Amino acid sequence: MRKKGKIKVMKSKLNGYWVNKKSGTIHSVFPDTDVFGKLKLINSTLNLRYERMYFIKYDNIDRFLKNYEFICSKENVDNDFFVDVLANKKLKSDFSYGFISKEEFFNTVKGY
């Protein structure tokens, strides 16, 4: 059984924007607790044609952390960064179809 203080610390570290290392899909992640008090993540995609929502249970958070990379927290995001990078569907499609390399995509996402 995990202590509530540890869950609170973990929640603050998970809240923000994350990118999938393989596909380049950017997710807005919000940590929450389920009815049993265990940590779960609520994910919403930002740069896909249609929005998708995912719910990740506590058992799969380690797999999430392995496959995703943290971009930034939600507090320090200005409108230009959100529009030009986080919700940019053209940037994602250019990466998916090979018009830009993986390095160019991640340099844009991480270095804006």
Protein backbone atom coordinates (compact mmCIF):
# COMPACT_ATOMS: atom_id res chain seq x y z
CA MET A 1 0.00 0.00 0.00
CA ARG A 2 1.41 3.39 -0.96
CA LYS A 3 1.23 6.39 1.28
CA LYS A 4 -0.84 9.39 0.21
CA GLY A 5 2.15 11.74 0.46
CA LYS A 6 4.06 9.72 -2.11
CA ILE A 7 1.07 9.78 -4.49
CA LYS A 8 0.82 13.56 -4.12
CA VAL A 9 4.50 13.98 -5.10
CA MET A 10 4.07 11.62 -8.05
CA LYS A 11 0.96 13.53 -9.18
CA SER A 12 2.82 16.84 -9.31
CA LYS A 13 5.61 15.30 -11.43
CA LEU A 14 3.23 13.74 -13.96
CA ASN A 15 1.05 16.80 -14.59
CA GLY A 16 1.99 18.40 -17.93
CA TYR A 17 2.62 17.70 -21.59
CA TRP A 18 4.27 14.47 -22.75
CA VAL A 19 5.34 13.18 -26.17
CA ASN A 20 5.38 9.56 -27.34
CA LYS A 21 8.97 8.67 -28.24
CA LYS A 22 7.95 6.47 -31.19
CA SER A 23 4.94 8.15 -32.78
CA GLY A 24 5.41 11.82 -31.83
CA THR A 25 1.89 12.13 -30.45
CA ILE A 26 1.66 14.82 -27.79
CA HIS A 27 -0.55 14.19 -24.78
CA SER A 28 -1.92 16.46 -22.11
CA VAL A 29 -1.63 14.41 -18.93
CA PHE A 30 -3.63 14.94 -15.77
CA PRO A 31 -3.04 12.64 -12.78
CA ASP A 32 -6.02 11.63 -10.67
CA THR A 33 -6.99 8.92 -8.19
CA ASP A 34 -9.52 6.18 -8.79
CA VAL A 35 -12.26 5.14 -6.37
CA PHE A 36 -9.81 2.90 -4.49
CA GLY A 37 -7.31 5.72 -3.96
CA LYS A 38 -4.80 4.46 -6.54
CA LEU A 39 -3.13 6.80 -9.00
CA LYS A 40 -4.40 6.92 -12.59
CA LEU A 41 -3.57 9.16 -15.54
CA ILE A 42 -6.03 10.89 -17.83
CA ASN A 43 -4.46 11.56 -21.24
CA SER A 44 -5.81 13.65 -24.07
CA THR A 45 -4.05 13.87 -27.43
CA LEU A 46 -3.30 17.31 -28.82
CA ASN A 47 -1.72 16.94 -32.24
CA LEU A 48 -3.88 14.29 -33.89
CA ARG A 49 -6.65 14.91 -36.38
CA TYR A 50 -9.24 13.72 -33.88
CA GLU A 51 -8.84 13.99 -30.13
CA ARG A 52 -8.44 10.73 -28.24
CA MET A 53 -8.64 10.21 -24.50
CA TYR A 54 -6.84 7.47 -22.59
CA PHE A 55 -7.01 6.36 -18.99
CA ILE A 56 -3.92 4.67 -17.58
CA LYS A 57 -4.23 2.70 -14.37
CA TYR A 58 -1.59 2.61 -11.65
CA ASP A 59 -0.16 -0.73 -12.84
CA ASN A 60 0.75 0.70 -16.26
CA ILE A 61 2.30 4.02 -15.23
CA ASP A 62 5.81 2.55 -15.42
CA ARG A 63 5.19 1.56 -19.04
CA PHE A 64 3.88 5.07 -19.74
CA LEU A 65 7.06 6.61 -18.29
CA LYS A 66 9.18 4.28 -20.44
CA ASN A 67 7.43 5.19 -23.71
CA TYR A 68 6.84 8.92 -23.18
CA GLU A 69 9.11 11.91 -22.64
CA PHE A 70 8.18 14.93 -20.55
CA ILE A 71 8.01 18.23 -22.48
CA CYS A 72 6.91 20.83 -19.93
CA SER A 73 4.45 21.53 -17.16
CA LYS A 74 1.14 23.21 -17.93
CA GLU A 75 1.95 26.33 -15.91
CA ASN A 76 4.77 27.62 -18.09
CA VAL A 77 3.16 27.28 -21.53
CA ASP A 78 2.44 30.40 -23.53
CA ASN A 79 -0.06 30.60 -26.38
CA ASP A 80 2.59 30.63 -29.15
CA PHE A 81 4.22 27.41 -27.91
CA PHE A 82 0.85 25.71 -27.57
CA VAL A 83 -0.31 26.63 -31.08
CA ASP A 84 3.03 26.30 -32.91
CA VAL A 85 4.25 23.08 -31.28
CA LEU A 86 1.90 21.24 -28.93
CA ALA A 87 -1.28 21.36 -31.03
CA ASN A 88 0.44 21.54 -34.42
CA LYS A 89 -1.10 18.77 -36.52
CA LYS A 90 1.05 19.58 -39.56
CA LEU A 91 4.26 19.10 -37.58
CA LYS A 92 3.00 15.68 -36.46
CA SER A 93 1.94 14.62 -39.97
CA ASP A 94 5.28 15.78 -41.44
CA PHE A 95 7.03 13.56 -38.90
CA SER A 96 4.67 10.62 -39.54
CA TYR A 97 5.12 10.74 -43.32
CA GLY A 98 8.89 11.25 -43.18
CA PHE A 99 9.07 14.85 -44.40
CA ILE A 100 11.08 15.74 -41.30
CA SER A 101 13.40 13.47 -39.35
CA LYS A 102 12.91 12.28 -35.81
CA GLU A 103 15.72 14.58 -34.66
CA GLU A 104 14.12 17.63 -36.30
CA PHE A 105 10.75 16.83 -34.75
CA PHE A 106 12.10 16.36 -31.22
CA ASN A 107 14.38 19.42 -31.53
CA THR A 108 11.30 21.47 -32.39
CA VAL A 109 9.27 20.02 -29.53
CA LYS A 110 11.99 20.23 -26.89
CA GLY A 111 13.82 23.34 -28.05
CA TYR A 112 11.08 25.82 -28.87
